[in-house]
Amino acid sequence: MGFRLRKTTASGETVPWTWKEVVQGKPFDRPSHPMTVHFPIAFYIGSLALDVLSHLGHFPWAPMAATWLILFAFAGTLAAVLTGLVDRSTMRKGTKIRGIVNLHMWIQFAAAAVFIVNLALRWSDRDIARSRPLWIALDVVGVLLVTVGADYGGRMVYKMGFRVE
């Protein structure tokens, strides 16, 4: 299908895409939210791996790299939140899928909050040679929350067919 600059209405008129449709990925014929979630998930998991690595050997650069991965994850999280909220806005209130979307959203917001706390705690010591155990504990909690939240997102797509056309 590819990228389309304009859409054709039911009456045959060619009109520009709305902002909401662009955010949803309709000009690309692909839902955008699933494309945006992979980066923050990978970066959050990577920060955990780097923090653990700093305890397994001599990797003095690992805590700093983990801190930067968390920052990059926040950028990806903003894109995922924007696209997810736009998708959510198309759902009818009170439906089963909307309830699952809300659960997915709140779990992911909780994960982001854990990583915000993690970043705040580690920022002033980000250049130390070994990650602090509290950072690793927060990484684990955050990654577990992200994983559970992602599972709910996957269920919506693969079990319930949301945004599968």
C-alpha atoms as a PDB file:
ATOM      1  CA  MET A   1       0.000   0.000   0.000  1.00  0.00           C
ATOM      2  CA  GLY A   2       2.671   2.539   0.969  1.00  0.00           C
ATOM      3  CA  PHE A   3       2.386   6.154   2.025  1.00  0.00           C
ATOM      4  CA  ARG A   4      -0.592   8.138   0.768  1.00  0.00           C
ATOM      5  CA  LEU A   5      -0.640  11.944   0.932  1.00  0.00           C
ATOM      6  CA  ARG A   6      -4.431  12.196   0.868  1.00  0.00           C
ATOM      7  CA  LYS A   7      -7.411   9.974   1.535  1.00  0.00           C
ATOM      8  CA  THR A   8     -10.502   9.385  -0.534  1.00  0.00           C
ATOM      9  CA  THR A   9     -13.858   9.803   1.209  1.00  0.00           C
ATOM     10  CA  ALA A  10     -16.932   7.642   0.618  1.00  0.00           C
ATOM     11  CA  SER A  11     -18.211  10.294  -1.813  1.00  0.00           C
ATOM     12  CA  GLY A  12     -15.023  10.012  -3.880  1.00  0.00           C
ATOM     13  CA  GLU A  13     -13.569  13.347  -2.758  1.00  0.00           C
ATOM     14  CA  THR A  14      -9.821  13.485  -2.026  1.00  0.00           C
ATOM     15  CA  VAL A  15      -9.042  15.245   1.261  1.00  0.00           C
ATOM     16  CA  PRO A  16      -6.000  15.592   3.537  1.00  0.00           C
ATOM     17  CA  TRP A  17      -5.577  13.314   6.527  1.00  0.00           C
ATOM     18  CA  THR A  18      -6.561  14.661   9.926  1.00  0.00           C
ATOM     19  CA  TRP A  19      -3.921  15.022  12.651  1.00  0.00           C
ATOM     20  CA  LYS A  20      -5.520  12.132  14.536  1.00  0.00           C
ATOM     21  CA  GLU A  21      -5.352   9.858  11.473  1.00  0.00           C
ATOM     22  CA  VAL A  22      -1.689  10.730  10.909  1.00  0.00           C
ATOM     23  CA  VAL A  23      -0.836   9.898  14.537  1.00  0.00           C
ATOM     24  CA  GLN A  24      -2.701   6.606  14.149  1.00  0.00           C
ATOM     25  CA  GLY A  25      -0.565   5.767  11.088  1.00  0.00           C
ATOM     26  CA  LYS A  26      -3.410   5.657   8.582  1.00  0.00           C
ATOM     27  CA  PRO A  27      -1.471   7.413   5.783  1.00  0.00           C
ATOM     28  CA  PHE A  28       1.085   4.587   6.098  1.00  0.00           C
ATOM     29  CA  ASP A  29      -1.601   1.901   6.234  1.00  0.00           C
ATOM     30  CA  ARG A  30      -0.087   0.697   9.532  1.00  0.00           C
ATOM     31  CA  PRO A  31      -1.102   1.296  13.146  1.00  0.00           C
ATOM     32  CA  SER A  32       1.588   3.474  14.712  1.00  0.00           C
ATOM     33  CA  HIS A  33       1.314   2.519  18.387  1.00  0.00           C
ATOM     34  CA  PRO A  34       2.784  -0.982  17.970  1.00  0.00           C
ATOM     35  CA  MET A  35       5.722   0.524  16.063  1.00  0.00           C
ATOM     36  CA  THR A  36       6.545   2.968  18.862  1.00  0.00           C
ATOM     37  CA  VAL A  37       6.486   0.627  21.867  1.00  0.00           C
ATOM     38  CA  HIS A  38       9.508  -1.495  20.956  1.00  0.00           C
ATOM     39  CA  PHE A  39      12.112   1.170  21.658  1.00  0.00           C
ATOM     40  CA  PRO A  40      11.149   2.071  25.225  1.00  0.00           C
ATOM     41  CA  ILE A  41      10.685  -1.601  26.104  1.00  0.00           C
ATOM     42  CA  ALA A  42      14.121  -2.457  24.737  1.00  0.00           C
ATOM     43  CA  PHE A  43      15.769   0.535  26.414  1.00  0.00           C
ATOM     44  CA  TYR A  44      14.227  -0.221  29.821  1.00  0.00           C
ATOM     45  CA  ILE A  45      15.370  -3.854  29.581  1.00  0.00           C
ATOM     46  CA  GLY A  46      18.787  -2.657  28.394  1.00  0.00           C
ATOM     47  CA  SER A  47      19.142  -0.375  31.414  1.00  0.00           C
ATOM     48  CA  LEU A  48      18.477  -3.346  33.701  1.00  0.00           C
ATOM     49  CA  ALA A  49      21.033  -5.449  31.818  1.00  0.00           C
ATOM     50  CA  LEU A  50      23.686  -2.726  32.057  1.00  0.00           C
ATOM     51  CA  ASP A  51      23.078  -2.172  35.761  1.00  0.00           C
ATOM     52  CA  VAL A  52      23.411  -5.912  36.417  1.00  0.00           C
ATOM     53  CA  LEU A  53      26.516  -6.012  34.209  1.00  0.00           C
ATOM     54  CA  SER A  54      28.134  -3.348  36.368  1.00  0.00           C
ATOM     55  CA  HIS A  55      27.915  -5.780  39.310  1.00  0.00           C
ATOM     56  CA  LEU A  56      29.190  -8.828  37.448  1.00  0.00           C
ATOM     57  CA  GLY A  57      32.478  -7.364  36.308  1.00  0.00           C
ATOM     58  CA  HIS A  58      34.499  -4.263  35.778  1.00  0.00           C
ATOM     59  CA  PHE A  59      32.304  -2.134  33.507  1.00  0.00           C
ATOM     60  CA  PRO A  60      32.552   1.390  34.930  1.00  0.00           C
ATOM     61  CA  TRP A  61      30.711   2.830  31.923  1.00  0.00           C
ATOM     62  CA  ALA A  62      27.603   0.668  32.455  1.00  0.00           C
ATOM     63  CA  PRO A  63      25.744   2.822  35.051  1.00  0.00           C
ATOM     64  CA  MET A  64      26.124   5.922  32.874  1.00  0.00           C
ATOM     65  CA  ALA A  65      24.975   4.012  29.781  1.00  0.00           C
ATOM     66  CA  ALA A  66      21.987   2.642  31.714  1.00  0.00           C
ATOM     67  CA  THR A  67      21.049   6.174  32.764  1.00  0.00           C
ATOM     68  CA  TRP A  68      21.133   7.349  29.151  1.00  0.00           C
ATOM     69  CA  LEU A  69      19.044   4.366  28.065  1.00  0.00           C
ATOM     70  CA  ILE A  70      16.388   5.387  30.570  1.00  0.00           C
ATOM     71  CA  LEU A  71      16.389   8.901  29.116  1.00  0.00           C
ATOM     72  CA  PHE A  72      16.077   7.514  25.569  1.00  0.00           C
ATOM     73  CA  ALA A  73      13.283   5.239  26.791  1.00  0.00           C
ATOM     74  CA  PHE A  74      11.384   8.308  28.005  1.00  0.00           C
ATOM     75  CA  ALA A  75      11.513   9.785  24.508  1.00  0.00           C
ATOM     76  CA  GLY A  76      10.113   6.547  23.092  1.00  0.00           C
ATOM     77  CA  THR A  77       7.543   6.402  25.871  1.00  0.00           C
ATOM     78  CA  LEU A  78       6.242   9.835  24.870  1.00  0.00           C
ATOM     79  CA  ALA A  79       5.643   8.595  21.325  1.00  0.00           C
ATOM     80  CA  ALA A  80       3.990   5.408  22.617  1.00  0.00           C
ATOM     81  CA  VAL A  81       1.761   7.388  24.992  1.00  0.00           C
ATOM     82  CA  LEU A  82       0.693   9.822  22.258  1.00  0.00           C
ATOM     83  CA  THR A  83      -0.177   7.098  19.771  1.00  0.00           C
ATOM     84  CA  GLY A  84      -1.804   4.934  22.441  1.00  0.00           C
ATOM     85  CA  LEU A  85      -3.997   7.748  23.744  1.00  0.00           C
ATOM     86  CA  VAL A  86      -5.147   8.561  20.217  1.00  0.00           C
ATOM     87  CA  ASP A  87      -6.073   4.909  19.674  1.00  0.00           C
ATOM     88  CA  ARG A  88      -7.854   4.866  23.031  1.00  0.00           C
ATOM     89  CA  SER A  89      -9.870   7.937  22.059  1.00  0.00           C
ATOM     90  CA  THR A  90     -11.538   5.928  19.280  1.00  0.00           C
ATOM     91  CA  MET A  91     -12.986   3.356  21.708  1.00  0.00           C
ATOM     92  CA  ARG A  92     -16.455   3.395  23.190  1.00  0.00           C
ATOM     93  CA  LYS A  93     -16.542   3.834  26.949  1.00  0.00           C
ATOM     94  CA  GLY A  94     -17.761   0.857  28.945  1.00  0.00           C
ATOM     95  CA  THR A  95     -16.633  -1.798  26.466  1.00  0.00           C
ATOM     96  CA  LYS A  96     -14.474  -4.778  27.409  1.00  0.00           C
ATOM     97  CA  ILE A  97     -11.622  -3.634  25.133  1.00  0.00           C
ATOM     98  CA  ARG A  98     -11.687  -0.141  26.682  1.00  0.00           C
ATOM     99  CA  GLY A  99     -11.333  -1.709  30.140  1.00  0.00           C
ATOM    100  CA  ILE A 100      -8.303  -3.692  29.000  1.00  0.00           C
ATOM    101  CA  VAL A 101      -6.836  -0.609  27.331  1.00  0.00           C
ATOM    102  CA  ASN A 102      -7.226   1.314  30.586  1.00  0.00           C
ATOM    103  CA  LEU A 103      -5.509  -1.465  32.547  1.00  0.00           C
ATOM    104  CA  HIS A 104      -2.695  -1.584  29.939  1.00  0.00           C
ATOM    105  CA  MET A 105      -2.332   2.204  30.138  1.00  0.00           C
ATOM    106  CA  TRP A 106      -2.211   2.404  33.938  1.00  0.00           C
ATOM    107  CA  ILE A 107       0.317  -0.422  34.199  1.00  0.00           C
ATOM    108  CA  GLN A 108       2.560   1.324  31.656  1.00  0.00           C
ATOM    109  CA  PHE A 109       2.158   4.656  33.479  1.00  0.00           C
ATOM    110  CA  ALA A 110       3.177   2.907  36.721  1.00  0.00           C
ATOM    111  CA  ALA A 111       6.267   1.512  34.962  1.00  0.00           C
ATOM    112  CA  ALA A 112       7.167   4.974  33.689  1.00  0.00           C
ATOM    113  CA  ALA A 113       6.747   6.367  37.218  1.00  0.00           C
ATOM    114  CA  VAL A 114       9.138   3.721  38.576  1.00  0.00           C
ATOM    115  CA  PHE A 115      11.737   4.696  35.969  1.00  0.00           C
ATOM    116  CA  ILE A 116      11.234   8.403  36.694  1.00  0.00           C
ATOM    117  CA  VAL A 117      11.999   7.704  40.366  1.00  0.00           C
ATOM    118  CA  ASN A 118      14.948   5.546  39.281  1.00  0.00           C
ATOM    119  CA  LEU A 119      16.331   8.362  37.122  1.00  0.00           C
ATOM    120  CA  ALA A 120      15.871  10.932  39.885  1.00  0.00           C
ATOM    121  CA  LEU A 121      17.708   8.731  42.389  1.00  0.00           C
ATOM    122  CA  ARG A 122      20.581   7.852  40.110  1.00  0.00           C
ATOM    123  CA  TRP A 123      21.121  11.155  38.291  1.00  0.00           C
ATOM    124  CA  SER A 124      23.666  12.704  40.654  1.00  0.00           C
ATOM    125  CA  ASP A 125      25.644   9.423  40.899  1.00  0.00           C
ATOM    126  CA  ARG A 126      25.267   8.291  37.289  1.00  0.00           C
ATOM    127  CA  ASP A 127      29.044   8.277  36.737  1.00  0.00           C
ATOM    128  CA  ILE A 128      29.897   5.842  39.541  1.00  0.00           C
ATOM    129  CA  ALA A 129      31.519   2.532  38.541  1.00  0.00           C
ATOM    130  CA  ARG A 130      28.869   0.210  40.032  1.00  0.00           C
ATOM    131  CA  SER A 131      25.128   0.631  39.906  1.00  0.00           C
ATOM    132  CA  ARG A 132      23.471   0.853  43.290  1.00  0.00           C
ATOM    133  CA  PRO A 133      21.290  -2.103  44.370  1.00  0.00           C
ATOM    134  CA  LEU A 134      18.271   0.229  44.650  1.00  0.00           C
ATOM    135  CA  TRP A 135      18.659   1.163  40.969  1.00  0.00           C
ATOM    136  CA  ILE A 136      18.685  -2.505  40.009  1.00  0.00           C
ATOM    137  CA  ALA A 137      15.633  -3.191  42.181  1.00  0.00           C
ATOM    138  CA  LEU A 138      13.770  -0.317  40.525  1.00  0.00           C
ATOM    139  CA  ASP A 139      14.879  -1.577  37.099  1.00  0.00           C
ATOM    140  CA  VAL A 140      13.451  -5.014  37.911  1.00  0.00           C
ATOM    141  CA  VAL A 141      10.122  -3.604  39.132  1.00  0.00           C
ATOM    142  CA  GLY A 142       9.886  -1.296  36.113  1.00  0.00           C
ATOM    143  CA  VAL A 143      10.741  -4.025  33.605  1.00  0.00           C
ATOM    144  CA  LEU A 144       8.218  -6.394  35.203  1.00  0.00           C
ATOM    145  CA  LEU A 145       5.518  -3.737  34.962  1.00  0.00           C
ATOM    146  CA  VAL A 146       6.436  -2.956  31.339  1.00  0.00           C
ATOM    147  CA  THR A 147       6.304  -6.671  30.520  1.00  0.00           C
ATOM    148  CA  VAL A 148       2.886  -7.183  32.113  1.00  0.00           C
ATOM    149  CA  GLY A 149       1.571  -4.043  30.418  1.00  0.00           C
ATOM    150  CA  ALA A 150       2.964  -5.176  27.066  1.00  0.00           C
ATOM    151  CA  ASP A 151       1.254  -8.533  27.551  1.00  0.00           C
ATOM    152  CA  TYR A 152      -2.091  -6.747  27.876  1.00  0.00           C
ATOM    153  CA  GLY A 153      -1.285  -4.807  24.707  1.00  0.00           C
ATOM    154  CA  GLY A 154      -0.475  -8.030  22.890  1.00  0.00           C
ATOM    155  CA  ARG A 155      -3.712  -9.628  24.076  1.00  0.00           C
ATOM    156  CA  MET A 156      -5.694  -6.722  22.640  1.00  0.00           C
ATOM    157  CA  VAL A 157      -4.098  -7.225  19.245  1.00  0.00           C
ATOM    158  CA  TYR A 158      -3.640 -10.983  19.009  1.00  0.00           C
ATOM    159  CA  LYS A 159      -6.587 -12.262  21.072  1.00  0.00           C
ATOM    160  CA  MET A 160      -9.161  -9.507  20.587  1.00  0.00           C
ATOM    161  CA  GLY A 161      -8.168  -8.194  17.138  1.00  0.00           C
ATOM    162  CA  PHE A 162      -7.972  -4.526  18.142  1.00  0.00           C
ATOM    163  CA  ARG A 163      -6.643  -2.409  15.238  1.00  0.00           C
ATOM    164  CA  VAL A 164      -6.261  -5.510  13.070  1.00  0.00           C
ATOM    165  CA  GLU A 165      -7.945  -4.765   9.770  1.00  0.00           C
END
